[in-house]
């Protein structure tokens, strides 16, 4: 497996973990005012989520320097789509529908075709 393929996997994992942690944080707090919202931005859970998401972005920059955009972008977006769906169902207990399942299978097929 090529280095850029490992980078794609790392990008997907870091970005997905980051965004799920961020979402989980915002689901757990209720801010009535802008001051409440701004004070919540110093929360450790939120900072970890943002740091993971930023790590994913930095990895994305590396991927762009090593792969063609017409390959990297659809693969990264499709894998991220699949990872976020799984993580949101498992961690956030969001519902999975038949349409989401069909879309996920189609993404797998697309990634397989692109990387062949």
N, C-alpha and C. Protein backbone atom coordinates (compact mmCIF):
# COMPACT_ATOMS: atom_id res chain seq x y z
N UNK A 1 0.84 -1.18 0.00
CA UNK A 1 0.00 0.00 0.00
C UNK A 1 0.89 1.25 0.00
N UNK A 2 0.53 2.22 -0.79
CA UNK A 2 1.31 3.44 -0.92
C UNK A 2 1.14 4.35 0.29
N UNK A 3 2.12 5.20 0.52
CA UNK A 3 2.09 6.14 1.64
C UNK A 3 0.85 7.03 1.58
N UNK A 4 0.49 7.48 0.38
CA UNK A 4 -0.66 8.37 0.27
C UNK A 4 -1.97 7.66 0.61
N UNK A 5 -2.01 6.34 0.43
CA UNK A 5 -3.21 5.59 0.83
C UNK A 5 -3.32 5.55 2.36
N UNK A 6 -2.19 5.37 3.04
CA UNK A 6 -2.20 5.44 4.50
C UNK A 6 -2.60 6.85 4.96
N UNK A 7 -2.11 7.85 4.24
CA UNK A 7 -2.46 9.24 4.57
C UNK A 7 -3.96 9.46 4.40
N UNK A 8 -4.55 8.90 3.36
CA UNK A 8 -6.00 9.02 3.17
C UNK A 8 -6.77 8.39 4.33
N UNK A 9 -6.33 7.23 4.75
CA UNK A 9 -6.99 6.55 5.88
C UNK A 9 -6.84 7.39 7.15
N UNK A 10 -5.65 7.91 7.38
CA UNK A 10 -5.42 8.75 8.55
C UNK A 10 -6.27 10.02 8.49
N UNK A 11 -6.34 10.63 7.30
CA UNK A 11 -7.18 11.82 7.11
C UNK A 11 -8.62 11.53 7.50
N UNK A 12 -9.15 10.44 6.98
CA UNK A 12 -10.55 10.08 7.24
C UNK A 12 -10.76 9.84 8.74
N UNK A 13 -9.86 9.10 9.38
CA UNK A 13 -10.02 8.82 10.81
C UNK A 13 -9.91 10.08 11.65
N UNK A 14 -8.90 10.91 11.39
CA UNK A 14 -8.72 12.13 12.19
C UNK A 14 -9.89 13.08 12.00
N UNK A 15 -10.30 13.29 10.76
CA UNK A 15 -11.40 14.21 10.48
C UNK A 15 -12.71 13.71 11.08
N UNK A 16 -12.97 12.42 10.91
CA UNK A 16 -14.21 11.84 11.44
C UNK A 16 -14.23 11.90 12.96
N UNK A 17 -13.16 11.49 13.61
CA UNK A 17 -13.11 11.56 15.07
C UNK A 17 -13.28 13.00 15.53
N UNK A 18 -12.61 13.92 14.86
CA UNK A 18 -12.71 15.32 15.25
C UNK A 18 -14.13 15.84 15.15
N UNK A 19 -14.79 15.60 14.02
CA UNK A 19 -16.13 16.14 13.83
C UNK A 19 -17.14 15.45 14.76
N UNK A 20 -16.96 14.18 15.05
CA UNK A 20 -17.87 13.49 15.97
C UNK A 20 -17.69 14.02 17.39
N UNK A 21 -16.47 14.25 17.81
CA UNK A 21 -16.22 14.82 19.14
C UNK A 21 -16.82 16.22 19.23
N UNK A 22 -16.65 17.02 18.19
CA UNK A 22 -17.23 18.36 18.17
C UNK A 22 -18.75 18.29 18.27
N UNK A 23 -19.37 17.43 17.48
CA UNK A 23 -20.83 17.28 17.50
C UNK A 23 -21.31 16.79 18.85
N UNK A 24 -20.60 15.82 19.42
CA UNK A 24 -20.98 15.29 20.73
C UNK A 24 -20.91 16.38 21.79
N UNK A 25 -19.89 17.22 21.71
CA UNK A 25 -19.77 18.33 22.65
C UNK A 25 -20.97 19.28 22.51
N UNK A 26 -21.29 19.69 21.29
CA UNK A 26 -22.38 20.64 21.11
C UNK A 26 -23.74 20.04 21.44
N UNK A 27 -23.88 18.73 21.31
CA UNK A 27 -25.13 18.08 21.73
C UNK A 27 -25.27 18.06 23.25
N UNK A 28 -24.15 18.16 23.97
CA UNK A 28 -24.20 18.05 25.43
C UNK A 28 -24.32 19.40 26.13
N UNK A 29 -24.16 20.48 25.42
CA UNK A 29 -24.25 21.81 26.05
C UNK A 29 -25.40 22.59 25.44
N UNK A 30 -25.93 23.47 26.24
CA UNK A 30 -27.00 24.35 25.78
C UNK A 30 -26.58 25.77 26.11
N UNK A 31 -26.43 26.56 25.08
CA UNK A 31 -26.02 27.94 25.30
C UNK A 31 -27.17 28.87 24.89
N UNK A 32 -27.56 29.67 25.85
CA UNK A 32 -28.67 30.60 25.64
C UNK A 32 -28.18 31.92 25.04
N UNK A 33 -26.96 32.29 25.36
CA UNK A 33 -26.44 33.57 24.89
C UNK A 33 -25.14 33.36 24.15
N UNK A 34 -24.72 34.39 23.45
CA UNK A 34 -23.44 34.33 22.74
C UNK A 34 -22.29 34.19 23.72
N UNK A 35 -22.43 34.76 24.90
CA UNK A 35 -21.40 34.65 25.94
C UNK A 35 -21.26 33.20 26.38
N UNK A 36 -22.39 32.51 26.58
CA UNK A 36 -22.35 31.09 26.94
C UNK A 36 -21.65 30.29 25.85
N UNK A 37 -21.98 30.59 24.59
CA UNK A 37 -21.37 29.89 23.47
C UNK A 37 -19.86 30.12 23.45
N UNK A 38 -19.44 31.37 23.57
CA UNK A 38 -18.01 31.70 23.52
C UNK A 38 -17.25 31.08 24.69
N UNK A 39 -17.84 31.05 25.88
CA UNK A 39 -17.15 30.45 27.03
C UNK A 39 -17.01 28.94 26.85
N UNK A 40 -17.94 28.32 26.13
CA UNK A 40 -17.86 26.89 25.87
C UNK A 40 -16.74 26.52 24.91
N UNK A 41 -16.23 27.49 24.16
CA UNK A 41 -15.18 27.21 23.19
C UNK A 41 -13.85 26.83 23.85
N UNK A 42 -13.75 27.04 25.16
CA UNK A 42 -12.52 26.69 25.88
C UNK A 42 -12.59 25.31 26.51
N UNK A 43 -13.61 24.55 26.18
CA UNK A 43 -13.79 23.20 26.71
C UNK A 43 -12.75 22.25 26.12
N UNK A 44 -12.19 21.39 26.96
CA UNK A 44 -11.15 20.46 26.53
C UNK A 44 -11.66 19.51 25.44
N UNK A 45 -12.87 19.02 25.59
CA UNK A 45 -13.43 18.09 24.59
C UNK A 45 -13.50 18.79 23.23
N UNK A 46 -13.95 20.01 23.20
CA UNK A 46 -14.04 20.75 21.95
C UNK A 46 -12.65 21.01 21.36
N UNK A 47 -11.71 21.36 22.19
CA UNK A 47 -10.34 21.62 21.73
C UNK A 47 -9.73 20.36 21.13
N UNK A 48 -9.96 19.20 21.75
CA UNK A 48 -9.46 17.93 21.20
C UNK A 48 -10.10 17.65 19.84
N UNK A 49 -11.42 17.86 19.74
CA UNK A 49 -12.11 17.65 18.48
C UNK A 49 -11.57 18.54 17.37
N UNK A 50 -11.37 19.81 17.69
CA UNK A 50 -10.84 20.75 16.70
C UNK A 50 -9.40 20.37 16.32
N UNK A 51 -8.60 19.95 17.30
CA UNK A 51 -7.21 19.55 17.02
C UNK A 51 -7.17 18.35 16.08
N UNK A 52 -8.05 17.38 16.30
CA UNK A 52 -8.11 16.21 15.41
C UNK A 52 -8.55 16.62 14.01
N UNK A 53 -9.54 17.49 13.94
CA UNK A 53 -10.03 17.95 12.65
C UNK A 53 -8.94 18.71 11.90
N UNK A 54 -8.19 19.54 12.61
CA UNK A 54 -7.09 20.28 12.00
C UNK A 54 -5.96 19.34 11.56
N UNK A 55 -5.72 18.30 12.34
CA UNK A 55 -4.73 17.30 11.95
C UNK A 55 -5.14 16.64 10.64
N UNK A 56 -6.44 16.36 10.51
CA UNK A 56 -6.95 15.83 9.25
C UNK A 56 -6.71 16.79 8.11
N UNK A 57 -6.93 18.08 8.35
CA UNK A 57 -6.72 19.08 7.30
C UNK A 57 -5.24 19.13 6.88
N UNK A 58 -4.34 19.09 7.84
CA UNK A 58 -2.91 19.09 7.51
C UNK A 58 -2.53 17.84 6.71
N UNK A 59 -3.14 16.73 7.07
CA UNK A 59 -2.91 15.49 6.31
C UNK A 59 -3.46 15.63 4.89
N UNK A 60 -4.58 16.31 4.76
CA UNK A 60 -5.16 16.56 3.44
C UNK A 60 -4.20 17.35 2.56
N UNK A 61 -3.51 18.32 3.14
CA UNK A 61 -2.53 19.09 2.38
C UNK A 61 -1.42 18.17 1.86
N UNK A 62 -0.99 17.24 2.69
CA UNK A 62 0.03 16.27 2.26
C UNK A 62 -0.51 15.41 1.11
N UNK A 63 -1.75 14.95 1.25
CA UNK A 63 -2.37 14.12 0.22
C UNK A 63 -2.41 14.87 -1.11
N UNK A 64 -2.80 16.13 -1.06
CA UNK A 64 -2.88 16.93 -2.29
C UNK A 64 -1.51 17.09 -2.96
N UNK A 65 -0.46 17.08 -2.16
CA UNK A 65 0.88 17.20 -2.74
C UNK A 65 1.36 15.91 -3.39
N UNK A 66 0.67 14.80 -3.11
CA UNK A 66 1.13 13.48 -3.58
C UNK A 66 0.19 12.80 -4.58
N UNK A 67 -1.06 13.22 -4.64
CA UNK A 67 -2.04 12.52 -5.48
C UNK A 67 -2.72 13.48 -6.44
N UNK A 68 -3.25 12.94 -7.51
CA UNK A 68 -4.09 13.73 -8.41
C UNK A 68 -5.39 14.08 -7.68
N UNK A 69 -5.85 15.30 -7.89
CA UNK A 69 -7.07 15.75 -7.23
C UNK A 69 -8.28 14.92 -7.66
N UNK A 70 -8.32 14.52 -8.94
CA UNK A 70 -9.48 13.77 -9.42
C UNK A 70 -9.54 12.35 -8.85
N UNK A 71 -8.50 11.93 -8.17
CA UNK A 71 -8.52 10.66 -7.45
C UNK A 71 -8.68 10.90 -5.95
N UNK A 72 -7.87 11.79 -5.41
CA UNK A 72 -7.85 12.02 -3.96
C UNK A 72 -9.18 12.53 -3.44
N UNK A 73 -9.76 13.51 -4.12
CA UNK A 73 -10.97 14.14 -3.59
C UNK A 73 -12.16 13.18 -3.52
N UNK A 74 -12.53 12.50 -4.61
CA UNK A 74 -13.68 11.59 -4.50
C UNK A 74 -13.46 10.45 -3.50
N UNK A 75 -12.23 9.94 -3.43
CA UNK A 75 -11.95 8.86 -2.48
C UNK A 75 -12.06 9.39 -1.05
N UNK A 76 -11.44 10.54 -0.78
CA UNK A 76 -11.47 11.10 0.58
C UNK A 76 -12.89 11.44 1.01
N UNK A 77 -13.66 12.05 0.12
CA UNK A 77 -15.03 12.44 0.47
C UNK A 77 -15.90 11.19 0.68
N UNK A 78 -15.76 10.21 -0.20
CA UNK A 78 -16.56 8.98 -0.06
C UNK A 78 -16.23 8.24 1.22
N UNK A 79 -14.93 8.07 1.50
CA UNK A 79 -14.54 7.37 2.73
C UNK A 79 -14.96 8.16 3.97
N UNK A 80 -14.87 9.48 3.90
CA UNK A 80 -15.32 10.32 5.03
C UNK A 80 -16.82 10.18 5.23
N UNK A 81 -17.57 10.16 4.14
CA UNK A 81 -19.01 9.98 4.18
C UNK A 81 -19.36 8.68 4.90
N UNK A 82 -18.69 7.61 4.52
CA UNK A 82 -18.94 6.30 5.13
C UNK A 82 -18.55 6.31 6.60
N UNK A 83 -17.38 6.85 6.92
CA UNK A 83 -16.91 6.87 8.31
C UNK A 83 -17.81 7.70 9.21
N UNK A 84 -18.27 8.84 8.71
CA UNK A 84 -19.15 9.70 9.51
C UNK A 84 -20.50 9.02 9.74
N UNK A 85 -21.02 8.34 8.73
CA UNK A 85 -22.28 7.62 8.90
C UNK A 85 -22.14 6.55 9.98
N UNK A 86 -21.07 5.77 9.91
CA UNK A 86 -20.87 4.72 10.92
C UNK A 86 -20.66 5.31 12.30
N UNK A 87 -19.83 6.34 12.40
CA UNK A 87 -19.54 6.95 13.70
C UNK A 87 -20.78 7.63 14.27
N UNK A 88 -21.56 8.28 13.44
CA UNK A 88 -22.75 8.96 13.95
C UNK A 88 -23.78 7.95 14.45
N UNK A 89 -23.84 6.81 13.81
CA UNK A 89 -24.76 5.76 14.26
C UNK A 89 -24.27 5.13 15.56
N UNK A 90 -22.97 4.81 15.62
CA UNK A 90 -22.43 4.10 16.78
C UNK A 90 -22.22 5.02 17.99
N UNK A 91 -21.70 6.20 17.77
CA UNK A 91 -21.34 7.09 18.88
C UNK A 91 -22.49 8.03 19.24
N UNK A 92 -23.11 8.64 18.23
CA UNK A 92 -24.14 9.64 18.48
C UNK A 92 -25.55 9.05 18.49
N UNK A 93 -25.65 7.76 18.18
CA UNK A 93 -26.93 7.04 18.15
C UNK A 93 -27.92 7.66 17.15
N UNK A 94 -27.39 8.18 16.04
CA UNK A 94 -28.24 8.72 14.99
C UNK A 94 -28.79 7.56 14.16
N UNK A 95 -30.00 7.70 13.61
CA UNK A 95 -30.61 6.59 12.88
C UNK A 95 -29.95 6.34 11.53
N UNK A 96 -29.95 5.05 11.16
CA UNK A 96 -29.53 4.64 9.82
C UNK A 96 -30.79 4.29 9.03
N UNK A 97 -30.90 4.84 7.84
CA UNK A 97 -32.06 4.54 7.00
C UNK A 97 -31.63 3.68 5.82
N UNK A 98 -32.60 3.16 5.12
CA UNK A 98 -32.32 2.36 3.93
C UNK A 98 -31.57 3.21 2.90
N UNK A 99 -32.00 4.46 2.72
CA UNK A 99 -31.34 5.33 1.75
C UNK A 99 -29.88 5.57 2.12
N UNK A 100 -29.61 5.75 3.39
CA UNK A 100 -28.22 5.92 3.84
C UNK A 100 -27.44 4.64 3.55
N UNK A 101 -28.03 3.50 3.81
CA UNK A 101 -27.36 2.22 3.54
C UNK A 101 -27.05 2.06 2.06
N UNK A 102 -28.00 2.38 1.20
CA UNK A 102 -27.77 2.28 -0.25
C UNK A 102 -26.67 3.24 -0.67
N UNK A 103 -26.72 4.46 -0.19
CA UNK A 103 -25.68 5.44 -0.52
C UNK A 103 -24.30 5.00 -0.08
N UNK A 104 -24.24 4.38 1.09
CA UNK A 104 -22.96 3.89 1.61
C UNK A 104 -22.39 2.79 0.73
N UNK A 105 -23.23 1.86 0.31
CA UNK A 105 -22.78 0.78 -0.57
C UNK A 105 -22.29 1.36 -1.90
N UNK A 106 -23.00 2.33 -2.43
CA UNK A 106 -22.58 2.95 -3.69
C UNK A 106 -21.23 3.67 -3.53
N UNK A 107 -21.00 4.28 -2.36
CA UNK A 107 -19.70 4.91 -2.11
C UNK A 107 -18.58 3.88 -2.10
N UNK A 108 -18.81 2.74 -1.43
CA UNK A 108 -17.81 1.67 -1.42
C UNK A 108 -17.47 1.24 -2.85
N UNK A 109 -18.49 1.07 -3.66
CA UNK A 109 -18.28 0.64 -5.04
C UNK A 109 -17.48 1.71 -5.79
N UNK A 110 -17.82 2.97 -5.60
CA UNK A 110 -17.09 4.05 -6.26
C UNK A 110 -15.63 4.11 -5.86
N UNK A 111 -15.34 3.98 -4.58
CA UNK A 111 -13.96 3.99 -4.11
C UNK A 111 -13.19 2.82 -4.72
N UNK A 112 -13.80 1.66 -4.75
CA UNK A 112 -13.16 0.47 -5.32
C UNK A 112 -12.82 0.71 -6.79
N UNK A 113 -13.75 1.27 -7.54
CA UNK A 113 -13.53 1.51 -8.97
C UNK A 113 -12.42 2.54 -9.18
N UNK A 114 -12.43 3.62 -8.41
CA UNK A 114 -11.42 4.67 -8.57
C UNK A 114 -10.03 4.17 -8.26
N UNK A 115 -9.89 3.36 -7.22
CA UNK A 115 -8.56 2.90 -6.77
C UNK A 115 -8.04 1.67 -7.52
N UNK A 116 -8.82 1.14 -8.40
CA UNK A 116 -8.38 -0.03 -9.18
C UNK A 116 -7.25 0.29 -10.08
